[in-house]
Amino acid sequence: MPNSTNPKKYFLALHTSTPELGLAISNFGGDSRCQVWNLERNLSNLVHEYLIDFIKPQAWKDLGFIAVAKGPGGFTGTRIGVVIARTLGQQLDIPIFGISNLGAIALHHHKLNNKTGNLTENQVYALEMPAQRGQIFGGIYSVSQNNLVTNIMPDTVMSPNQWQQAQINHNQNHQLIECKSGLAASVTSVLQLAYNEWLLLKHPHWSEVLPFYGQHPVDV
């Protein structure tokens, strides 16, 4: 298993759960880059090409782990990202981290808040994302001053009324975030959350990572 302190290792994150493709890579030693493309319906056709170009000058053998946004999000895009990550994890024999889109967005917004004001205590975020058939994906997360993310309420699909009640039941001051566009920009937070787990010596096998759809793509 790769050593988490090896400065030669790089770590890759993918975000394909929306019409945008987000990629990020870092050695967490001063060399990082990320990029987002709005590929829309071409995402499935172009993702492999973009990924191969993006990792250069690094090579596949340089990767210590891969992180992937596992949902909630679009059914097809989420599946594509998880399949790519699992395939690479199996071929390269490296860990794969499946990261909640909502958790990553919570961290992303927390970092933005830190740039515009001083946060002196843990901030709680209630994140909602449109689901199919008028339902909502909801999750509640706390983010510390040190950017450590804690899941207070697991990602769940529910009716708007149930989501409102869930927020009331948790009885905490929170910032509501509506996740509608530009979500692939949180790919850097997908990578950071996976790295936090990596530092705790967690090395999930590729087979453990499953997409979170929350609901069937069609009525059943």
Protein backbone atom coordinates (compact mmCIF):
# COMPACT_ATOMS: atom_id res chain seq x y z
CA MET A 1 0.00 0.00 0.00
CA PRO A 2 1.45 3.44 -0.88
CA ASN A 3 2.79 5.59 1.95
CA SER A 4 0.75 8.78 2.53
CA THR A 5 3.96 10.76 3.12
CA ASN A 6 5.53 9.87 -0.23
CA PRO A 7 5.99 13.24 -2.03
CA LYS A 8 6.28 11.52 -5.39
CA LYS A 9 2.71 10.25 -5.29
CA TYR A 10 -0.14 12.20 -6.86
CA PHE A 11 -3.82 11.95 -6.09
CA LEU A 12 -6.61 12.33 -8.64
CA ALA A 13 -10.27 13.34 -8.32
CA LEU A 14 -13.12 13.09 -10.85
CA HIS A 15 -16.49 14.83 -10.85
CA THR A 16 -18.90 13.70 -13.58
CA SER A 17 -22.26 13.92 -11.82
CA THR A 18 -23.41 16.97 -13.79
CA PRO A 19 -23.01 18.02 -17.45
CA GLU A 20 -19.65 19.45 -16.36
CA LEU A 21 -16.47 17.44 -16.03
CA GLY A 22 -14.25 18.37 -13.11
CA LEU A 23 -10.73 16.98 -12.65
CA ALA A 24 -8.18 17.73 -9.93
CA ILE A 25 -4.75 16.35 -9.17
CA SER A 26 -2.30 17.10 -6.38
CA ASN A 27 0.67 15.69 -4.51
CA PHE A 28 -0.35 17.78 -1.47
CA GLY A 29 3.20 19.05 -1.45
CA GLY A 30 2.85 22.20 -3.51
CA ASP A 31 1.93 20.85 -6.94
CA SER A 32 -1.80 20.99 -7.67
CA ARG A 33 -4.04 21.76 -10.61
CA CYS A 34 -7.72 21.46 -11.48
CA GLN A 35 -9.96 22.20 -14.43
CA VAL A 36 -13.66 22.15 -15.28
CA TRP A 37 -15.23 21.71 -18.72
CA ASN A 38 -18.89 22.05 -19.65
CA LEU A 39 -19.25 19.02 -21.90
CA GLU A 40 -23.03 18.54 -21.56
CA ARG A 41 -24.15 15.56 -23.66
CA ASN A 42 -20.59 14.92 -24.86
CA LEU A 43 -19.32 14.07 -21.38
CA SER A 44 -19.57 10.32 -21.84
CA ASN A 45 -17.78 10.49 -25.20
CA LEU A 46 -14.98 12.85 -24.17
CA VAL A 47 -14.25 12.09 -20.53
CA HIS A 48 -11.53 9.51 -21.24
CA GLU A 49 -9.76 11.79 -23.72
CA TYR A 50 -9.82 14.73 -21.31
CA LEU A 51 -8.64 12.56 -18.42
CA ILE A 52 -5.67 11.17 -20.35
CA ASP A 53 -4.57 14.67 -21.34
CA PHE A 54 -5.17 16.13 -17.88
CA ILE A 55 -2.89 13.86 -15.86
CA LYS A 56 0.16 14.71 -17.99
CA PRO A 57 3.03 15.10 -17.19
CA GLN A 58 2.17 12.59 -14.47
CA ALA A 59 1.61 8.97 -15.42
CA TRP A 60 -0.90 6.44 -14.12
CA LYS A 61 1.83 4.77 -12.05
CA ASP A 62 2.30 8.03 -10.12
CA LEU A 63 -1.20 7.88 -8.61
CA GLY A 64 -1.61 6.98 -4.95
CA PHE A 65 -5.41 6.97 -4.97
CA ILE A 66 -8.40 8.15 -6.98
CA ALA A 67 -11.38 10.04 -5.54
CA VAL A 68 -14.71 10.22 -7.31
CA ALA A 69 -17.90 12.20 -6.69
CA LYS A 70 -20.34 9.35 -6.10
CA GLY A 71 -23.57 11.34 -6.12
CA PRO A 72 -26.21 12.47 -5.69
CA GLY A 73 -26.45 13.90 -9.18
CA GLY A 74 -27.31 12.84 -12.69
CA PHE A 75 -27.77 9.09 -13.05
CA THR A 76 -25.68 8.58 -16.19
CA GLY A 77 -22.86 10.97 -15.30
CA THR A 78 -22.52 9.59 -11.78
CA ARG A 79 -22.36 6.04 -13.10
CA ILE A 80 -19.68 7.00 -15.65
CA GLY A 81 -17.43 8.54 -13.02
CA VAL A 82 -17.73 5.65 -10.61
CA VAL A 83 -17.11 3.07 -13.33
CA ILE A 84 -13.98 4.90 -14.52
CA ALA A 85 -12.66 5.20 -10.96
CA ARG A 86 -13.34 1.55 -10.15
CA THR A 87 -11.72 0.38 -13.39
CA LEU A 88 -8.59 2.44 -12.78
CA GLY A 89 -8.45 1.34 -9.17
CA GLN A 90 -8.60 -2.30 -10.19
CA GLN A 91 -6.00 -1.93 -12.94
CA LEU A 92 -3.60 0.19 -10.88
CA ASP A 93 -4.24 -1.63 -7.59
CA ILE A 94 -4.79 1.61 -5.67
CA PRO A 95 -7.51 2.76 -3.26
CA ILE A 96 -10.68 4.45 -4.51
CA PHE A 97 -12.61 6.94 -2.39
CA GLY A 98 -16.28 7.61 -3.13
CA ILE A 99 -17.11 11.11 -1.90
CA SER A 100 -20.56 12.63 -1.42
CA ASN A 101 -21.27 15.48 -3.80
CA LEU A 102 -23.12 17.30 -1.03
CA GLY A 103 -20.24 16.90 1.42
CA ALA A 104 -17.79 18.22 -1.16
CA ILE A 105 -20.03 21.20 -1.91
CA ALA A 106 -20.28 21.96 1.81
CA LEU A 107 -16.49 22.12 2.06
CA HIS A 108 -16.25 24.13 -1.16
CA HIS A 109 -18.67 26.76 0.15
CA HIS A 110 -16.95 26.81 3.53
CA LYS A 111 -13.65 27.69 1.87
CA LEU A 112 -15.37 30.47 -0.06
CA ASN A 113 -16.88 31.79 3.17
CA ASN A 114 -13.45 31.79 4.76
CA LYS A 115 -12.21 34.08 2.01
CA THR A 116 -14.96 36.64 2.59
CA GLY A 117 -15.19 36.61 6.39
CA ASN A 118 -13.77 35.15 9.57
CA LEU A 119 -15.44 31.91 10.67
CA THR A 120 -14.76 31.42 14.36
CA GLU A 121 -16.65 28.17 14.93
CA ASN A 122 -18.06 25.17 13.14
CA GLN A 123 -20.48 26.08 10.36
CA VAL A 124 -23.46 23.88 9.56
CA TYR A 125 -24.65 23.62 5.96
CA ALA A 126 -27.95 22.17 4.75
CA LEU A 127 -27.52 21.25 1.11
CA GLU A 128 -30.36 20.57 -1.30
CA MET A 129 -30.24 19.37 -4.87
CA PRO A 130 -33.18 18.85 -7.25
CA ALA A 131 -34.07 15.19 -7.71
CA GLN A 132 -36.51 13.61 -10.14
CA ARG A 133 -40.29 13.72 -9.82
CA GLY A 134 -40.33 16.85 -7.66
CA GLN A 135 -38.23 15.39 -4.88
CA ILE A 136 -35.07 16.76 -3.27
CA PHE A 137 -31.69 15.32 -2.35
CA GLY A 138 -30.83 16.71 1.07
CA GLY A 139 -27.90 16.39 3.43
CA ILE A 140 -26.61 18.31 6.44
CA TYR A 141 -22.90 18.78 7.13
CA SER A 142 -20.74 20.57 9.69
CA VAL A 143 -17.38 22.02 8.63
CA SER A 144 -14.76 23.02 11.19
CA GLN A 145 -12.24 25.85 11.10
CA ASN A 146 -9.69 23.24 9.97
CA ASN A 147 -11.94 22.19 7.06
CA LEU A 148 -12.88 18.88 8.66
CA VAL A 149 -16.29 17.76 7.44
CA THR A 150 -18.79 15.86 9.57
CA ASN A 151 -21.99 14.39 8.16
CA ILE A 152 -24.88 15.29 10.49
CA MET A 153 -27.70 13.93 8.31
CA PRO A 154 -26.93 11.36 5.59
CA ASP A 155 -27.74 12.24 1.99
CA THR A 156 -31.38 11.31 1.46
CA VAL A 157 -34.03 11.78 -1.22
CA MET A 158 -37.29 13.18 0.11
CA SER A 159 -40.24 15.43 -0.61
CA PRO A 160 -39.86 19.21 -0.13
CA ASN A 161 -42.02 19.01 3.01
CA GLN A 162 -39.90 16.20 4.44
CA TRP A 163 -36.76 18.22 3.72
CA GLN A 164 -38.14 21.24 5.53
CA GLN A 165 -39.03 19.08 8.51
CA ALA A 166 -35.59 17.46 8.51
CA GLN A 167 -33.96 20.86 8.84
CA ILE A 168 -36.30 21.79 11.70
CA ASN A 169 -35.64 18.49 13.47
CA HIS A 170 -31.90 19.08 13.53
CA ASN A 171 -32.55 22.33 15.38
CA GLN A 172 -29.27 23.99 14.45
CA ASN A 173 -28.49 27.29 12.84
CA HIS A 174 -27.38 26.50 9.34
CA GLN A 175 -26.70 27.98 5.94
CA LEU A 176 -28.94 26.61 3.22
CA ILE A 177 -27.14 25.90 -0.05
CA GLU A 178 -29.11 25.18 -3.21
CA CYS A 179 -26.96 22.97 -5.43
CA LYS A 180 -28.08 23.74 -8.96
CA SER A 181 -25.12 24.72 -11.16
CA GLY A 182 -21.33 24.91 -11.22
CA LEU A 183 -21.08 21.86 -8.98
CA ALA A 184 -18.02 20.34 -10.67
CA ALA A 185 -15.93 23.20 -9.22
CA SER A 186 -16.11 21.27 -5.94
CA VAL A 187 -13.81 18.60 -7.42
CA THR A 188 -10.93 20.06 -5.39
CA SER A 189 -12.97 19.43 -2.25
CA VAL A 190 -13.69 15.87 -3.43
CA LEU A 191 -9.92 15.42 -3.54
CA GLN A 192 -9.38 17.09 -0.14
CA LEU A 193 -11.99 14.93 1.59
CA ALA A 194 -10.42 11.79 0.17
CA TYR A 195 -6.97 12.95 1.28
CA ASN A 196 -8.28 13.51 4.81
CA GLU A 197 -9.37 9.87 4.84
CA TRP A 198 -6.05 8.79 3.35
CA LEU A 199 -4.18 10.48 6.19
CA LEU A 200 -6.26 8.40 8.60
CA LEU A 201 -4.76 5.35 6.85
CA LYS A 202 -8.02 4.39 5.19
CA HIS A 203 -7.47 2.62 1.88
CA PRO A 204 -10.84 1.44 0.50
CA HIS A 205 -10.78 -1.25 -2.13
CA TRP A 206 -12.16 -0.24 -5.53
CA SER A 207 -15.04 -2.71 -5.16
CA GLU A 208 -16.36 -0.83 -2.10
CA VAL A 209 -17.20 2.31 -4.06
CA LEU A 210 -20.79 2.44 -5.28
CA PRO A 211 -22.74 5.31 -6.84
CA PHE A 212 -25.41 7.01 -4.76
CA TYR A 213 -28.45 7.43 -6.96
CA GLY A 214 -31.03 7.85 -4.21
CA GLN A 215 -33.89 6.97 -6.54
CA HIS A 216 -34.57 5.04 -9.71
CA PRO A 217 -34.07 6.98 -12.94
CA VAL A 218 -37.64 6.13 -13.99
CA ASP A 219 -40.85 5.42 -12.13
CA VAL A 220 -41.08 1.83 -10.96
